[in-house]
Amino acid sequence: MYSTINHQIMQARVADLHRQAQQDALARAARQGSRPPEHQSGRRVLRLPVITVRRVLTAWAAHA
């Protein structure tokens, strides 16, 4: 009887570990998908002044 209960507990534990590993893999993929690739990181820096210029021009046009 003890070995049957122990076997059931171990099966449940293995199933939990599989579910956790699957969730971790999904979370890892989501984190990697949200980051820009390394070779495009410079584009973000270059776009910041463009956005600032657009906002200034828009505010200037609204004021005039």
C-alpha atoms as a PDB file:
ATOM      1  CA  MET A   1       0.000   0.000   0.000  1.00  0.00           C
ATOM      2  CA  TYR A   2       2.821   2.371   0.858  1.00  0.00           C
ATOM      3  CA  SER A   3       4.505   1.853  -2.533  1.00  0.00           C
ATOM      4  CA  THR A   4       1.205   2.564  -4.349  1.00  0.00           C
ATOM      5  CA  ILE A   5       0.720   5.851  -2.503  1.00  0.00           C
ATOM      6  CA  ASN A   6       4.359   6.761  -3.008  1.00  0.00           C
ATOM      7  CA  HIS A   7       4.032   6.020  -6.728  1.00  0.00           C
ATOM      8  CA  GLN A   8       0.960   8.268  -7.027  1.00  0.00           C
ATOM      9  CA  ILE A   9       2.702  11.086  -5.155  1.00  0.00           C
ATOM     10  CA  MET A  10       5.736  10.816  -7.416  1.00  0.00           C
ATOM     11  CA  GLN A  11       3.533  10.889 -10.540  1.00  0.00           C
ATOM     12  CA  ALA A  12       1.818  14.042  -9.287  1.00  0.00           C
ATOM     13  CA  ARG A  13       5.197  15.630  -8.523  1.00  0.00           C
ATOM     14  CA  VAL A  14       6.533  14.843 -11.993  1.00  0.00           C
ATOM     15  CA  ALA A  15       3.385  16.302 -13.562  1.00  0.00           C
ATOM     16  CA  ASP A  16       3.849  19.474 -11.493  1.00  0.00           C
ATOM     17  CA  LEU A  17       7.471  19.747 -12.590  1.00  0.00           C
ATOM     18  CA  HIS A  18       6.442  19.367 -16.243  1.00  0.00           C
ATOM     19  CA  ARG A  19       3.824  22.101 -15.908  1.00  0.00           C
ATOM     20  CA  GLN A  20       6.308  24.398 -14.186  1.00  0.00           C
ATOM     21  CA  ALA A  21       8.911  23.804 -16.888  1.00  0.00           C
ATOM     22  CA  GLN A  22       6.339  24.588 -19.572  1.00  0.00           C
ATOM     23  CA  GLN A  23       5.345  27.831 -17.829  1.00  0.00           C
ATOM     24  CA  ASP A  24       9.001  28.811 -17.430  1.00  0.00           C
ATOM     25  CA  ALA A  25       9.632  28.199 -21.128  1.00  0.00           C
ATOM     26  CA  LEU A  26       6.658  30.368 -22.084  1.00  0.00           C
ATOM     27  CA  ALA A  27       7.769  33.142 -19.744  1.00  0.00           C
ATOM     28  CA  ARG A  28      11.315  32.993 -21.115  1.00  0.00           C
ATOM     29  CA  ALA A  29      10.018  33.210 -24.683  1.00  0.00           C
ATOM     30  CA  ALA A  30       7.811  36.169 -23.796  1.00  0.00           C
ATOM     31  CA  ARG A  31      10.724  38.026 -22.204  1.00  0.00           C
ATOM     32  CA  GLN A  32      12.977  37.408 -25.185  1.00  0.00           C
ATOM     33  CA  GLY A  33      10.255  38.447 -27.607  1.00  0.00           C
ATOM     34  CA  SER A  34       9.670  41.784 -25.893  1.00  0.00           C
ATOM     35  CA  ARG A  35      13.316  42.895 -26.057  1.00  0.00           C
ATOM     36  CA  PRO A  36      14.566  44.550 -29.226  1.00  0.00           C
ATOM     37  CA  PRO A  37      17.376  42.653 -30.919  1.00  0.00           C
ATOM     38  CA  GLU A  38      20.862  43.842 -30.050  1.00  0.00           C
ATOM     39  CA  HIS A  39      21.628  45.146 -33.530  1.00  0.00           C
ATOM     40  CA  GLN A  40      18.591  47.444 -33.429  1.00  0.00           C
ATOM     41  CA  SER A  41      19.300  48.995 -30.049  1.00  0.00           C
ATOM     42  CA  GLY A  42      20.999  51.957 -31.760  1.00  0.00           C
ATOM     43  CA  ARG A  43      17.845  52.754 -33.672  1.00  0.00           C
ATOM     44  CA  ARG A  44      15.994  53.502 -30.459  1.00  0.00           C
ATOM     45  CA  VAL A  45      18.638  56.050 -29.473  1.00  0.00           C
ATOM     46  CA  LEU A  46      18.454  57.693 -32.897  1.00  0.00           C
ATOM     47  CA  ARG A  47      14.662  57.859 -32.856  1.00  0.00           C
ATOM     48  CA  LEU A  48      14.475  59.701 -29.540  1.00  0.00           C
ATOM     49  CA  PRO A  49      15.555  63.083 -30.979  1.00  0.00           C
ATOM     50  CA  VAL A  50      13.166  62.593 -33.920  1.00  0.00           C
ATOM     51  CA  ILE A  51      10.244  62.117 -31.543  1.00  0.00           C
ATOM     52  CA  THR A  52      11.320  65.160 -29.544  1.00  0.00           C
ATOM     53  CA  VAL A  53      11.551  67.269 -32.712  1.00  0.00           C
ATOM     54  CA  ARG A  54       8.106  66.140 -33.826  1.00  0.00           C
ATOM     55  CA  ARG A  55       6.603  67.095 -30.481  1.00  0.00           C
ATOM     56  CA  VAL A  56       8.264  70.499 -30.535  1.00  0.00           C
ATOM     57  CA  LEU A  57       7.119  71.155 -34.103  1.00  0.00           C
ATOM     58  CA  THR A  58       3.583  70.060 -33.251  1.00  0.00           C
ATOM     59  CA  ALA A  59       3.470  72.332 -30.205  1.00  0.00           C
ATOM     60  CA  TRP A  60       4.934  75.206 -32.242  1.00  0.00           C
ATOM     61  CA  ALA A  61       2.382  74.698 -35.035  1.00  0.00           C
ATOM     62  CA  ALA A  62      -0.471  74.632 -32.523  1.00  0.00           C
ATOM     63  CA  HIS A  63       0.760  77.868 -30.958  1.00  0.00           C
ATOM     64  CA  ALA A  64       1.142  79.715 -34.256  1.00  0.00           C
END
